[in-house]
Amino acid sequence: MTILERFAEFIYANKDAKFDSETLHHARRALLDWQGALIAGANAHTADLLRLAYKDELHDLHDSHISGLCSVAGTHLRAAPRAAAFLNGTISHIAEFDDIYRDGGYHPASPTISAVFALAQARDYSLDDLLRAIILGYEVSTRISRVIQPSHYVYFHTTGTVGVFGAAAACAALLKLGVQQTCSAMAIAGTFASGLQEAFRSDSMTKPMHAGHAAEVGLSAALSAEVGMTGAPRLLEGDAGFGAAMSKHPRWSEIFEALGEHFSISSITFKNHGCCGHTFPAIDAVANLVDQHKFNLSDIKRIRVGGYRQTVEVCAYRHPQTQFEAKFSVSYTVAARLVLGRVREDAFLLSSLKDPVVRALEDKVELYLDNACANDYPTRRSARVEIELSDGQILVQHQMTRHGDPDDPLTDQELIDKFRELVEPRLGHVNLERILNSIIGAGDMPVRQIAAHWALKGTS
């Protein structure tokens, strides 16, 4: 039996599963957080351009000749499921607030939920059906992401590559496809896995499109398998398969450890800052030092930040000129945390990027590769921060995790507060409360009811 065949059997065996309340609660948290990230990206310039590029595929809700239309964040217009999956998958990855599976270097929500949400809305599935599919999509894709690291992340963007499996698995689970169909859905999706890291080592709009592409591919693969299209069962472990092409020595022997005993959706990182997760340990370390020692900014002589290799290579922008660069800059985000008190959306306004106090403090930040942090990666995301004060005192914080990681999770209230902060300015209080109550407060309901409130304020 191949890896995908065994995953397919697992998905099929759980097609009507009644998951325990804790696992379902984690799925609701993931769905809510995805909604917040989606709405946060909905009024970005990139989102405007995408909707413009897809204008021929956006339709008025009342077009009588089109059925099964899906909501697209930021507009009252609707799209067919594949287009909606691509658009929402991309938009939900723009603001850099979407969740993380730490051990796999992977953002599961944007590809997985964007795909299966569109399908659930188009075919009028319920919230309970959607949550079950999300759990299974996360389970398959996070396991794949974990065993191909760390070598996969040298060149590839895991959200774009592994995301296709999460999207396909979730959609197959929602459709309750048979074992061979489910295997084919994932195998078909895997042939389209893509996403190169060069896309976010320069200021481009490509990175979020990786998530959108993965969502669209996964949905398309499931729909193709539903009507009889087949894929290669050994797509993952085959001699010319995904693992051979995209990883050095993938640990396939580990992929099914404790399958069904603990679900990965219970071990997801929810972002507390609006930037690349590789900057988080340094930001949290600085925050802890401020809380412990109460020093003044004028007292700071130098800041040394030691991180693991991905932090040093991916987040090395200095004096960023754009929001994109700022979100991938350790020196900027550390300085912004010290000056502004947090690293949320206000930190990436043009006025903040040009703030002379922030820029002067950024000049004092030195980033280097710390061997201990590098050795702990990827299962631990850490940083060593030293702040030298003008009186010669050196304050040290070895940050062993990030607030939001499974070992230091955001509370439900923190997650809800983040959701309110991102959504209310864009949708208004009434729509915010409707979405929040639908996902967290209410019982089962049609998915269409949740997506009825995504148009930005003032959208005609």
Foldseek 3Di string as FASTA:
>chain_A
DAPLLVLLVVLLVCLPPDDDPLLLQLLLLQVLQLLLLLLLLCPDPLLVVLCVVCVVFWAAPPPPVDALWAFAFAANTTGHLLSQLLSSLLSSPVQQQAWALQLLLERQCSQQLSQQLSVLSSVFHKPVLQSSLQLSLQQQLSLQSNQQPDQLVVWFNSLLQSNLSSNQSSNCSSVSDHSQLSLFLNQQSNVVRGGTPVCLLDDDSCRSSSRSVSNSSSNVSSVCSVVPDGGDNNQDPDCPHDSVVRGDPGPVVCSCVCPPNDTSSLFMFGDPARADPLLQQLQVQLLVLCVVPVDDPQFFDAKEKAFAPCLVNRQPDALDQALSNLRSHNLQQNLCCRPVVGHYDVCGDNCNSPPPSSNVSSVRYHYDYDPVNNVCPRVWGWMWMWTATPVGDIDIDTRGHGQRGSVRRDDPVSSLVSSCVSNCQWQNDVLSVQLCCQSNNDDMDTSNSNSSRRHGPPHD
